[in-house]
Amino acid sequence: SPATIFSVLEHPKKNSLILEKGKSVFTRSKKEVVFGFAGAGCWSDSKLICFGRSTQVVPDLDFDKYADVVLKWYNYFGDGSLTWMVPDPYEIPSNKLKLIKSKVCHVGTDRSQSIFQKIEKHIVENICPIHFETEVSDIDRMEDGTFRITTWNGEMKQFFTKKVVLATGNRDKLLVPLLEQF
């Protein structure tokens, strides 16, 4: 998930570990659009879209700050030319639709793949290992406060850790039971 990638880049810890359901950006095919390093953004038209909204979980989140972190890393591993733009407002031909004003940065598919290849290589060589094709099937908070992460990639494995960055992608069903434990 891109959220995991940018979290590890921004806060590198040598004892980190990334568990990724999909494949490496180097081995993914264009048919494997959703799962894999960098998520769907690796094979899409790669537009970064930034719009903030308050949530019940983190109402005071400075979304622009985190969006700028993402753009910083794209530029670090890219050619440094990416910037946020705010498109001109336009008329919406329906009263059922609502325009969400947002910042946009067009990366481009070919440039995005190259950037994510550099990012993946950097993470593996300098920060932490990535376990590919490893699906997280369960996360439990233990009585001592540590987390037990159960994975499956043909065999069950368990990892224990004090901190978790959870980026579920489209698997947000894992998030609800975990939040209920707090």
N, C-alpha and C. Protein backbone atom coordinates (compact mmCIF):
# COMPACT_ATOMS: atom_id res chain seq x y z
N SER A 1 0.83 -1.18 0.00
CA SER A 1 0.00 0.00 0.00
C SER A 1 0.88 1.25 0.00
N PRO A 2 0.51 2.25 -0.77
CA PRO A 2 1.29 3.48 -0.75
C PRO A 2 1.39 4.10 0.64
N ALA A 3 0.37 3.96 1.46
CA ALA A 3 0.44 4.52 2.81
C ALA A 3 1.59 3.90 3.60
N THR A 4 1.79 2.61 3.46
CA THR A 4 2.89 1.93 4.14
C THR A 4 4.23 2.39 3.58
N ILE A 5 4.31 2.49 2.27
CA ILE A 5 5.56 2.89 1.62
C ILE A 5 6.03 4.24 2.13
N PHE A 6 5.13 5.24 2.12
CA PHE A 6 5.54 6.58 2.51
C PHE A 6 5.75 6.70 4.01
N SER A 7 5.07 5.89 4.79
CA SER A 7 5.30 5.86 6.23
C SER A 7 6.71 5.35 6.53
N VAL A 8 7.12 4.28 5.85
CA VAL A 8 8.46 3.71 6.06
C VAL A 8 9.54 4.67 5.57
N LEU A 9 9.29 5.34 4.45
CA LEU A 9 10.28 6.31 3.95
C LEU A 9 10.43 7.49 4.90
N GLU A 10 9.32 7.96 5.43
CA GLU A 10 9.36 9.14 6.30
C GLU A 10 9.89 8.82 7.69
N HIS A 11 9.66 7.59 8.17
CA HIS A 11 10.10 7.18 9.51
C HIS A 11 10.82 5.84 9.41
N PRO A 12 12.01 5.82 8.80
CA PRO A 12 12.71 4.55 8.58
C PRO A 12 13.19 3.93 9.88
N LYS A 13 12.85 2.68 10.07
CA LYS A 13 13.30 1.91 11.24
C LYS A 13 13.88 0.61 10.73
N LYS A 14 15.11 0.33 11.12
CA LYS A 14 15.80 -0.87 10.64
C LYS A 14 15.08 -2.16 11.05
N ASN A 15 14.33 -2.13 12.14
CA ASN A 15 13.65 -3.35 12.58
C ASN A 15 12.22 -3.42 12.06
N SER A 16 11.93 -2.65 11.01
CA SER A 16 10.60 -2.68 10.39
C SER A 16 10.48 -3.88 9.46
N LEU A 17 9.26 -4.12 9.05
CA LEU A 17 8.96 -5.20 8.13
C LEU A 17 7.70 -4.79 7.38
N ILE A 18 7.70 -4.96 6.07
CA ILE A 18 6.50 -4.70 5.28
C ILE A 18 5.94 -6.04 4.81
N LEU A 19 4.65 -6.24 5.07
CA LEU A 19 3.95 -7.43 4.60
C LEU A 19 3.04 -6.98 3.46
N GLU A 20 3.27 -7.52 2.28
CA GLU A 20 2.54 -7.10 1.08
C GLU A 20 1.83 -8.28 0.45
N LYS A 21 0.52 -8.15 0.26
CA LYS A 21 -0.27 -9.24 -0.31
C LYS A 21 0.14 -9.54 -1.75
N GLY A 22 0.51 -8.53 -2.49
CA GLY A 22 0.83 -8.71 -3.90
C GLY A 22 2.31 -8.90 -4.16
N LYS A 23 2.67 -8.67 -5.41
CA LYS A 23 4.04 -8.90 -5.86
C LYS A 23 4.86 -7.61 -5.87
N SER A 24 6.14 -7.78 -6.07
CA SER A 24 7.08 -6.68 -6.23
C SER A 24 6.71 -5.89 -7.49
N VAL A 25 7.02 -4.61 -7.49
CA VAL A 25 6.79 -3.79 -8.68
C VAL A 25 7.63 -4.31 -9.86
N PHE A 26 8.71 -5.01 -9.57
CA PHE A 26 9.57 -5.55 -10.61
C PHE A 26 8.98 -6.81 -11.26
N THR A 27 8.07 -7.50 -10.57
CA THR A 27 7.52 -8.75 -11.10
C THR A 27 6.02 -8.70 -11.37
N ARG A 28 5.37 -7.59 -11.01
CA ARG A 28 3.93 -7.46 -11.29
C ARG A 28 3.68 -7.34 -12.78
N SER A 29 2.57 -7.92 -13.20
CA SER A 29 2.16 -7.73 -14.60
C SER A 29 1.07 -6.67 -14.64
N LYS A 30 0.77 -6.18 -15.82
CA LYS A 30 -0.27 -5.17 -15.96
C LYS A 30 -1.64 -5.71 -15.62
N LYS A 31 -1.78 -7.03 -15.58
CA LYS A 31 -3.06 -7.65 -15.18
C LYS A 31 -3.24 -7.62 -13.66
N GLU A 32 -2.16 -7.46 -12.93
CA GLU A 32 -2.21 -7.42 -11.46
C GLU A 32 -2.29 -5.96 -11.02
N VAL A 33 -3.43 -5.37 -11.28
CA VAL A 33 -3.59 -3.93 -11.11
C VAL A 33 -3.68 -3.52 -9.65
N VAL A 34 -4.45 -4.20 -8.85
CA VAL A 34 -4.76 -3.71 -7.51
C VAL A 34 -3.70 -4.08 -6.49
N PHE A 35 -3.37 -5.34 -6.38
CA PHE A 35 -2.46 -5.77 -5.33
C PHE A 35 -1.02 -5.69 -5.80
N GLY A 36 -0.14 -5.42 -4.87
CA GLY A 36 1.28 -5.36 -5.16
C GLY A 36 1.88 -4.07 -4.68
N PHE A 37 3.20 -4.01 -4.70
CA PHE A 37 3.91 -2.83 -4.24
C PHE A 37 3.38 -1.61 -4.99
N ALA A 38 3.02 -0.59 -4.26
CA ALA A 38 2.51 0.69 -4.78
C ALA A 38 1.03 0.66 -5.12
N GLY A 39 0.37 -0.47 -4.94
CA GLY A 39 -1.06 -0.53 -5.17
C GLY A 39 -1.43 -0.24 -6.61
N ALA A 40 -2.67 0.21 -6.79
CA ALA A 40 -3.20 0.47 -8.12
C ALA A 40 -2.47 1.62 -8.82
N GLY A 41 -1.88 2.52 -8.07
CA GLY A 41 -1.19 3.67 -8.65
C GLY A 41 -0.01 3.30 -9.52
N CYS A 42 0.51 2.10 -9.36
CA CYS A 42 1.65 1.66 -10.15
C CYS A 42 1.28 1.49 -11.62
N TRP A 43 0.06 1.04 -11.91
CA TRP A 43 -0.35 0.76 -13.28
C TRP A 43 -1.41 1.71 -13.79
N SER A 44 -1.83 2.65 -12.98
CA SER A 44 -2.87 3.57 -13.42
C SER A 44 -2.23 4.78 -14.09
N ASP A 45 -3.03 5.78 -14.36
CA ASP A 45 -2.52 7.01 -14.95
C ASP A 45 -1.74 7.83 -13.93
N SER A 46 -1.74 7.39 -12.70
CA SER A 46 -0.94 7.97 -11.62
C SER A 46 -1.16 9.46 -11.42
N LYS A 47 -2.36 9.76 -11.01
CA LYS A 47 -2.65 11.12 -10.58
C LYS A 47 -2.70 11.11 -9.06
N LEU A 48 -1.94 11.99 -8.45
CA LEU A 48 -2.05 12.18 -7.01
C LEU A 48 -3.13 13.22 -6.79
N ILE A 49 -4.10 12.88 -5.98
CA ILE A 49 -5.18 13.81 -5.69
C ILE A 49 -5.22 14.05 -4.19
N CYS A 50 -5.18 15.30 -3.81
CA CYS A 50 -5.14 15.66 -2.40
C CYS A 50 -6.39 16.45 -2.02
N PHE A 51 -7.20 15.88 -1.18
CA PHE A 51 -8.28 16.64 -0.60
C PHE A 51 -8.46 16.15 0.83
N GLY A 52 -8.62 17.07 1.75
CA GLY A 52 -8.74 16.72 3.15
C GLY A 52 -10.19 16.68 3.56
N ARG A 53 -10.49 15.82 4.50
CA ARG A 53 -11.82 15.80 5.08
C ARG A 53 -11.68 15.33 6.52
N SER A 54 -12.48 15.87 7.36
CA SER A 54 -12.44 15.47 8.76
C SER A 54 -13.01 14.07 8.88
N THR A 55 -12.41 13.30 9.76
CA THR A 55 -12.94 11.97 10.04
C THR A 55 -13.19 11.86 11.53
N GLN A 56 -13.96 10.89 11.91
CA GLN A 56 -14.22 10.68 13.34
C GLN A 56 -12.98 10.14 14.03
N VAL A 57 -12.15 9.45 13.29
CA VAL A 57 -10.96 8.86 13.90
C VAL A 57 -9.90 9.92 14.20
N VAL A 58 -9.60 10.79 13.24
CA VAL A 58 -8.57 11.81 13.40
C VAL A 58 -9.12 13.15 12.88
N PRO A 59 -9.92 13.83 13.69
CA PRO A 59 -10.57 15.05 13.18
C PRO A 59 -9.62 16.21 12.91
N ASP A 60 -8.46 16.26 13.55
CA ASP A 60 -7.54 17.39 13.38
C ASP A 60 -6.38 17.08 12.45
N LEU A 61 -6.53 16.08 11.61
CA LEU A 61 -5.46 15.67 10.71
C LEU A 61 -5.16 16.78 9.70
N ASP A 62 -3.90 17.16 9.60
CA ASP A 62 -3.46 18.14 8.61
C ASP A 62 -3.14 17.39 7.32
N PHE A 63 -4.17 17.16 6.52
CA PHE A 63 -4.04 16.33 5.33
C PHE A 63 -3.03 16.90 4.34
N ASP A 64 -3.02 18.22 4.18
CA ASP A 64 -2.07 18.84 3.24
C ASP A 64 -0.63 18.53 3.61
N LYS A 65 -0.34 18.48 4.89
CA LYS A 65 1.01 18.18 5.36
C LYS A 65 1.44 16.79 4.89
N TYR A 66 0.55 15.81 5.04
CA TYR A 66 0.89 14.44 4.64
C TYR A 66 0.94 14.31 3.12
N ALA A 67 0.10 15.03 2.42
CA ALA A 67 0.15 15.01 0.96
C ALA A 67 1.48 15.58 0.47
N ASP A 68 1.97 16.61 1.14
CA ASP A 68 3.27 17.18 0.76
C ASP A 68 4.41 16.21 1.01
N VAL A 69 4.29 15.38 2.04
CA VAL A 69 5.30 14.34 2.30
C VAL A 69 5.35 13.36 1.13
N VAL A 70 4.19 12.94 0.67
CA VAL A 70 4.13 12.02 -0.47
C VAL A 70 4.78 12.65 -1.70
N LEU A 71 4.43 13.89 -1.99
CA LEU A 71 5.00 14.56 -3.15
C LEU A 71 6.52 14.72 -3.02
N LYS A 72 6.99 14.98 -1.79
CA LYS A 72 8.43 15.10 -1.55
C LYS A 72 9.15 13.82 -1.97
N TRP A 73 8.59 12.66 -1.59
CA TRP A 73 9.25 11.39 -1.92
C TRP A 73 9.14 11.07 -3.40
N TYR A 74 8.00 11.38 -4.02
CA TYR A 74 7.90 11.21 -5.47
C TYR A 74 9.00 12.01 -6.16
N ASN A 75 9.21 13.23 -5.73
CA ASN A 75 10.23 14.07 -6.35
C ASN A 75 11.64 13.59 -6.03
N TYR A 76 11.86 13.08 -4.83
CA TYR A 76 13.19 12.59 -4.45
C TYR A 76 13.61 11.43 -5.36
N PHE A 77 12.66 10.51 -5.62
CA PHE A 77 13.00 9.35 -6.46
C PHE A 77 12.70 9.58 -7.93
N GLY A 78 12.06 10.69 -8.24
CA GLY A 78 11.78 11.06 -9.63
C GLY A 78 12.75 12.13 -10.09
N ASP A 79 12.27 13.02 -10.93
CA ASP A 79 13.15 14.06 -11.46
C ASP A 79 12.98 15.41 -10.76
N GLY A 80 12.17 15.45 -9.71
CA GLY A 80 12.01 16.68 -8.93
C GLY A 80 11.08 17.70 -9.53
N SER A 81 10.36 17.35 -10.58
CA SER A 81 9.55 18.35 -11.29
C SER A 81 8.07 18.35 -10.92
N LEU A 82 7.64 17.45 -10.05
CA LEU A 82 6.22 17.34 -9.75
C LEU A 82 5.76 18.43 -8.78
N THR A 83 4.62 19.01 -9.05
CA THR A 83 4.04 20.04 -8.19
C THR A 83 2.54 19.84 -8.08
N TRP A 84 1.97 20.39 -7.03
CA TRP A 84 0.51 20.39 -6.87
C TRP A 84 -0.07 21.50 -7.73
N MET A 85 -1.20 21.23 -8.34
CA MET A 85 -1.95 22.24 -9.08
C MET A 85 -3.39 22.19 -8.57
N VAL A 86 -4.05 23.33 -8.59
CA VAL A 86 -5.47 23.36 -8.25
C VAL A 86 -6.22 23.68 -9.54
N PRO A 87 -6.96 22.69 -10.05
CA PRO A 87 -7.67 22.92 -11.31
C PRO A 87 -8.72 24.02 -11.15
N ASP A 88 -9.01 24.69 -12.25
CA ASP A 88 -10.07 25.70 -12.22
C ASP A 88 -11.40 25.02 -11.97
N PRO A 89 -12.25 25.65 -11.16
CA PRO A 89 -13.59 25.07 -10.95
C PRO A 89 -14.35 25.04 -12.27
N TYR A 90 -15.24 24.11 -12.38
CA TYR A 90 -16.03 24.01 -13.59
C TYR A 90 -17.48 23.71 -13.20
N GLU A 91 -18.36 23.91 -14.13
CA GLU A 91 -19.77 23.67 -13.88
C GLU A 91 -20.06 22.18 -13.84
N ILE A 92 -20.86 21.77 -12.89
CA ILE A 92 -21.28 20.38 -12.81
C ILE A 92 -22.71 20.32 -13.33
N PRO A 93 -22.96 19.49 -14.33
CA PRO A 93 -24.28 19.49 -14.97
C PRO A 93 -25.35 18.72 -14.19
N SER A 94 -25.25 18.65 -12.89
CA SER A 94 -26.25 17.94 -12.12
C SER A 94 -26.27 18.48 -10.69
N ASN A 95 -27.43 18.55 -10.13
CA ASN A 95 -27.51 18.97 -8.73
C ASN A 95 -27.28 17.80 -7.78
N LYS A 96 -27.06 16.61 -8.32
CA LYS A 96 -26.81 15.43 -7.50
C LYS A 96 -25.33 15.22 -7.22
N LEU A 97 -24.48 15.91 -7.96
CA LEU A 97 -23.04 15.78 -7.78
C LEU A 97 -22.49 16.98 -7.03
N LYS A 98 -21.43 16.75 -6.27
CA LYS A 98 -20.80 17.82 -5.51
C LYS A 98 -19.33 17.89 -5.90
N LEU A 99 -18.87 19.08 -6.21
CA LEU A 99 -17.47 19.28 -6.56
C LEU A 99 -16.64 19.34 -5.29
N ILE A 100 -15.61 18.53 -5.23
CA ILE A 100 -14.67 18.57 -4.12
C ILE A 100 -13.42 19.25 -4.63
N LYS A 101 -13.14 20.43 -4.12
CA LYS A 101 -11.95 21.15 -4.56
C LYS A 101 -10.72 20.42 -4.03
N SER A 102 -9.81 20.10 -4.92
CA SER A 102 -8.64 19.34 -4.51
C SER A 102 -7.42 19.76 -5.31
N LYS A 103 -6.26 19.44 -4.72
CA LYS A 103 -5.00 19.64 -5.44
C LYS A 103 -4.72 18.36 -6.22
N VAL A 104 -4.12 18.52 -7.39
CA VAL A 104 -3.85 17.38 -8.26
C VAL A 104 -2.41 17.45 -8.74
N CYS A 105 -1.78 16.30 -8.86
CA CYS A 105 -0.44 16.21 -9.46
C CYS A 105 -0.47 15.03 -10.42
N HIS A 106 -0.25 15.28 -11.69
CA HIS A 106 -0.23 14.21 -12.68
C HIS A 106 1.19 13.66 -12.78
N VAL A 107 1.34 12.39 -12.44
CA VAL A 107 2.66 11.74 -12.47
C VAL A 107 2.88 11.06 -13.81
N GLY A 108 1.92 10.29 -14.26
CA GLY A 108 2.06 9.54 -15.51
C GLY A 108 2.48 8.11 -15.22
N THR A 109 1.88 7.16 -15.93
CA THR A 109 2.11 5.74 -15.65
C THR A 109 3.56 5.33 -15.80
N ASP A 110 4.21 5.71 -16.90
CA ASP A 110 5.58 5.27 -17.10
C ASP A 110 6.51 5.87 -16.05
N ARG A 111 6.28 7.10 -15.65
CA ARG A 111 7.13 7.73 -14.63
C ARG A 111 6.84 7.12 -13.25
N SER A 112 5.59 6.82 -12.98
CA SER A 112 5.21 6.25 -11.69
C SER A 112 5.89 4.90 -11.47
N GLN A 113 5.88 4.05 -12.48
CA GLN A 113 6.51 2.73 -12.35
C GLN A 113 8.00 2.86 -12.06
N SER A 114 8.66 3.75 -12.74
CA SER A 114 10.09 3.98 -12.52
C SER A 114 10.35 4.49 -11.09
N ILE A 115 9.52 5.40 -10.63
CA ILE A 115 9.67 5.94 -9.27
C ILE A 115 9.48 4.84 -8.25
N PHE A 116 8.43 4.01 -8.42
CA PHE A 116 8.18 2.95 -7.44
C PHE A 116 9.23 1.85 -7.49
N GLN A 117 9.85 1.61 -8.64
CA GLN A 117 10.96 0.66 -8.69
C GLN A 117 12.13 1.18 -7.85
N LYS A 118 12.43 2.46 -7.96
CA LYS A 118 13.51 3.06 -7.17
C LYS A 118 13.18 3.04 -5.68
N ILE A 119 11.92 3.32 -5.35
CA ILE A 119 11.50 3.32 -3.94
C ILE A 119 11.61 1.92 -3.35
N GLU A 120 11.07 0.91 -4.07
CA GLU A 120 11.13 -0.46 -3.56
C GLU A 120 12.58 -0.89 -3.34
N LYS A 121 13.43 -0.63 -4.31
CA LYS A 121 14.85 -1.00 -4.19
C LYS A 121 15.48 -0.30 -2.99
N HIS A 122 15.20 0.98 -2.81
CA HIS A 122 15.74 1.73 -1.68
C HIS A 122 15.28 1.15 -0.34
N ILE A 123 14.01 0.84 -0.23
CA ILE A 123 13.49 0.29 1.03
C ILE A 123 14.17 -1.03 1.36
N VAL A 124 14.21 -1.94 0.39
CA VAL A 124 14.79 -3.28 0.62
C VAL A 124 16.28 -3.20 0.93
N GLU A 125 17.01 -2.32 0.25
CA GLU A 125 18.46 -2.24 0.44
C GLU A 125 18.86 -1.40 1.65
N ASN A 126 18.02 -0.47 2.09
CA ASN A 126 18.44 0.47 3.13
C ASN A 126 17.58 0.53 4.38
N ILE A 127 16.35 0.03 4.31
CA ILE A 127 15.48 0.21 5.47
C ILE A 127 15.02 -1.12 6.06
N CYS A 128 14.27 -1.90 5.30
CA CYS A 128 13.70 -3.12 5.87
C CYS A 128 13.31 -4.11 4.77
N PRO A 129 13.12 -5.36 5.16
CA PRO A 129 12.67 -6.35 4.18
C PRO A 129 11.18 -6.18 3.86
N ILE A 130 10.81 -6.68 2.69
CA ILE A 130 9.41 -6.71 2.28
C ILE A 130 9.07 -8.17 1.99
N HIS A 131 8.04 -8.67 2.66
CA HIS A 131 7.56 -10.03 2.39
C HIS A 131 6.43 -9.91 1.38
N PHE A 132 6.69 -10.31 0.13
CA PHE A 132 5.69 -10.23 -0.92
C PHE A 132 4.82 -11.48 -0.91
N GLU A 133 3.65 -11.35 -1.55
CA GLU A 133 2.68 -12.44 -1.64
C GLU A 133 2.40 -13.03 -0.26
N THR A 134 2.27 -12.15 0.71
CA THR A 134 2.00 -12.53 2.10
C THR A 134 0.77 -11.78 2.58
N GLU A 135 -0.32 -12.49 2.68
CA GLU A 135 -1.58 -11.86 3.07
C GLU A 135 -1.74 -11.86 4.59
N VAL A 136 -2.05 -10.71 5.15
CA VAL A 136 -2.35 -10.61 6.57
C VAL A 136 -3.77 -11.10 6.76
N SER A 137 -3.93 -12.15 7.56
CA SER A 137 -5.26 -12.71 7.78
C SER A 137 -5.87 -12.29 9.11
N ASP A 138 -5.03 -11.86 10.06
CA ASP A 138 -5.57 -11.47 11.36
C ASP A 138 -4.55 -10.62 12.12
N ILE A 139 -5.07 -9.70 12.91
CA ILE A 139 -4.23 -8.90 13.80
C ILE A 139 -4.92 -8.89 15.15
N ASP A 140 -4.19 -9.29 16.18
CA ASP A 140 -4.72 -9.31 17.55
C ASP A 140 -3.83 -8.49 18.46
N ARG A 141 -4.45 -7.76 19.36
CA ARG A 141 -3.68 -7.06 20.38
C ARG A 141 -3.63 -7.96 21.61
N MET A 142 -2.41 -8.26 22.05
CA MET A 142 -2.20 -9.17 23.17
C MET A 142 -2.36 -8.41 24.49
N GLU A 143 -2.45 -9.15 25.58
CA GLU A 143 -2.62 -8.53 26.89
C GLU A 143 -1.47 -7.61 27.28
N ASP A 144 -0.26 -7.92 26.82
CA ASP A 144 0.90 -7.09 27.15
C ASP A 144 1.03 -5.86 26.23
N GLY A 145 0.05 -5.66 25.31
CA GLY A 145 0.07 -4.50 24.43
C GLY A 145 0.72 -4.75 23.09
N THR A 146 1.39 -5.88 22.91
CA THR A 146 1.99 -6.18 21.61
C THR A 146 0.90 -6.67 20.65
N PHE A 147 1.24 -6.66 19.39
CA PHE A 147 0.32 -7.13 18.36
C PHE A 147 0.82 -8.44 17.80
N ARG A 148 -0.10 -9.37 17.56
CA ARG A 148 0.21 -10.62 16.88
C ARG A 148 -0.40 -10.52 15.49
N ILE A 149 0.46 -10.61 14.48
CA ILE A 149 0.01 -10.52 13.10
C ILE A 149 0.13 -11.91 12.49
N THR A 150 -0.98 -12.42 12.02
CA THR A 150 -1.00 -13.74 11.39
C THR A 150 -1.08 -13.54 9.89
N THR A 151 -0.20 -14.24 9.17
CA THR A 151 -0.16 -14.11 7.71
C THR A 151 -0.34 -15.47 7.07
N TRP A 152 -0.63 -15.43 5.76
CA TRP A 152 -0.79 -16.65 5.00
C TRP A 152 -0.20 -16.45 3.61
N ASN A 153 0.73 -17.29 3.22
CA ASN A 153 1.21 -17.33 1.83
C ASN A 153 1.54 -18.78 1.47
N GLY A 154 0.59 -19.65 1.76
CA GLY A 154 0.80 -21.08 1.57
C GLY A 154 1.03 -21.78 2.89
N GLU A 155 1.53 -21.04 3.86
CA GLU A 155 1.66 -21.54 5.23
C GLU A 155 1.43 -20.37 6.18
N MET A 156 0.95 -20.70 7.37
CA MET A 156 0.67 -19.66 8.35
C MET A 156 1.96 -19.26 9.06
N LYS A 157 2.12 -17.94 9.24
CA LYS A 157 3.23 -17.40 10.02
C LYS A 157 2.67 -16.36 10.96
N GLN A 158 3.39 -16.14 12.07
CA GLN A 158 2.98 -15.10 13.00
C GLN A 158 4.16 -14.19 13.30
N PHE A 159 3.87 -12.91 13.39
CA PHE A 159 4.84 -11.89 13.72
C PHE A 159 4.33 -11.16 14.97
N PHE A 160 5.23 -10.76 15.84
CA PHE A 160 4.86 -10.02 17.04
C PHE A 160 5.60 -8.69 17.03
N THR A 161 4.88 -7.63 17.36
CA THR A 161 5.46 -6.30 17.30
C THR A 161 4.76 -5.36 18.29
N LYS A 162 5.45 -4.29 18.64
CA LYS A 162 4.86 -3.30 19.54
C LYS A 162 4.09 -2.23 18.78
N LYS A 163 4.43 -2.01 17.51
CA LYS A 163 3.78 -0.98 16.70
C LYS A 163 3.39 -1.55 15.35
N VAL A 164 2.27 -1.04 14.83
CA VAL A 164 1.78 -1.47 13.54
C VAL A 164 1.36 -0.25 12.74
N VAL A 165 1.77 -0.18 11.49
CA VAL A 165 1.20 0.77 10.55
C VAL A 165 0.27 -0.07 9.68
N LEU A 166 -1.00 0.20 9.79
CA LEU A 166 -1.99 -0.61 9.10
C LEU A 166 -2.51 0.14 7.88
N ALA A 167 -2.18 -0.35 6.71
CA ALA A 167 -2.68 0.23 5.47
C ALA A 167 -3.40 -0.90 4.74
N THR A 168 -4.70 -0.95 4.91
CA THR A 168 -5.47 -2.11 4.49
C THR A 168 -5.83 -2.13 3.02
N GLY A 169 -5.67 -1.02 2.33
CA GLY A 169 -6.12 -0.99 0.95
C GLY A 169 -7.60 -1.32 0.92
N ASN A 170 -8.00 -2.26 0.09
CA ASN A 170 -9.41 -2.60 0.03
C ASN A 170 -9.79 -3.69 1.04
N ARG A 171 -8.91 -4.01 1.95
CA ARG A 171 -9.17 -5.03 2.97
C ARG A 171 -9.50 -4.38 4.31
N ASP A 172 -10.28 -3.32 4.32
CA ASP A 172 -10.55 -2.59 5.55
C ASP A 172 -11.35 -3.38 6.56
N LYS A 173 -11.82 -4.59 6.22
CA LYS A 173 -12.53 -5.41 7.20
C LYS A 173 -11.60 -5.79 8.36
N LEU A 174 -10.27 -5.78 8.14
CA LEU A 174 -9.33 -6.04 9.22
C LEU A 174 -9.30 -4.89 10.23
N LEU A 175 -9.59 -3.69 9.76
CA LEU A 175 -9.47 -2.50 10.59
C LEU A 175 -10.54 -2.44 11.67
N VAL A 176 -11.76 -2.77 11.36
CA VAL A 176 -12.87 -2.63 12.31
C VAL A 176 -12.65 -3.47 13.57
N PRO A 177 -12.35 -4.77 13.47
CA PRO A 177 -12.13 -5.55 14.71
C PRO A 177 -10.93 -5.03 15.50
N LEU A 178 -9.90 -4.55 14.81
CA LEU A 178 -8.73 -4.05 15.51
C LEU A 178 -9.09 -2.78 16.30
N LEU A 179 -9.82 -1.87 15.70
CA LEU A 179 -10.21 -0.64 16.39
C LEU A 179 -11.13 -0.94 17.57
N GLU A 180 -11.92 -1.98 17.48
CA GLU A 180 -12.80 -2.35 18.58
C GLU A 180 -12.03 -2.83 19.80
N GLN A 181 -10.76 -3.20 19.65
CA GLN A 181 -9.95 -3.69 20.77
C GLN A 181 -9.43 -2.55 21.63
N PHE A 182 -9.59 -1.31 21.20
CA PHE A 182 -9.06 -0.18 21.95
C PHE A 182 -10.11 0.45 22.82
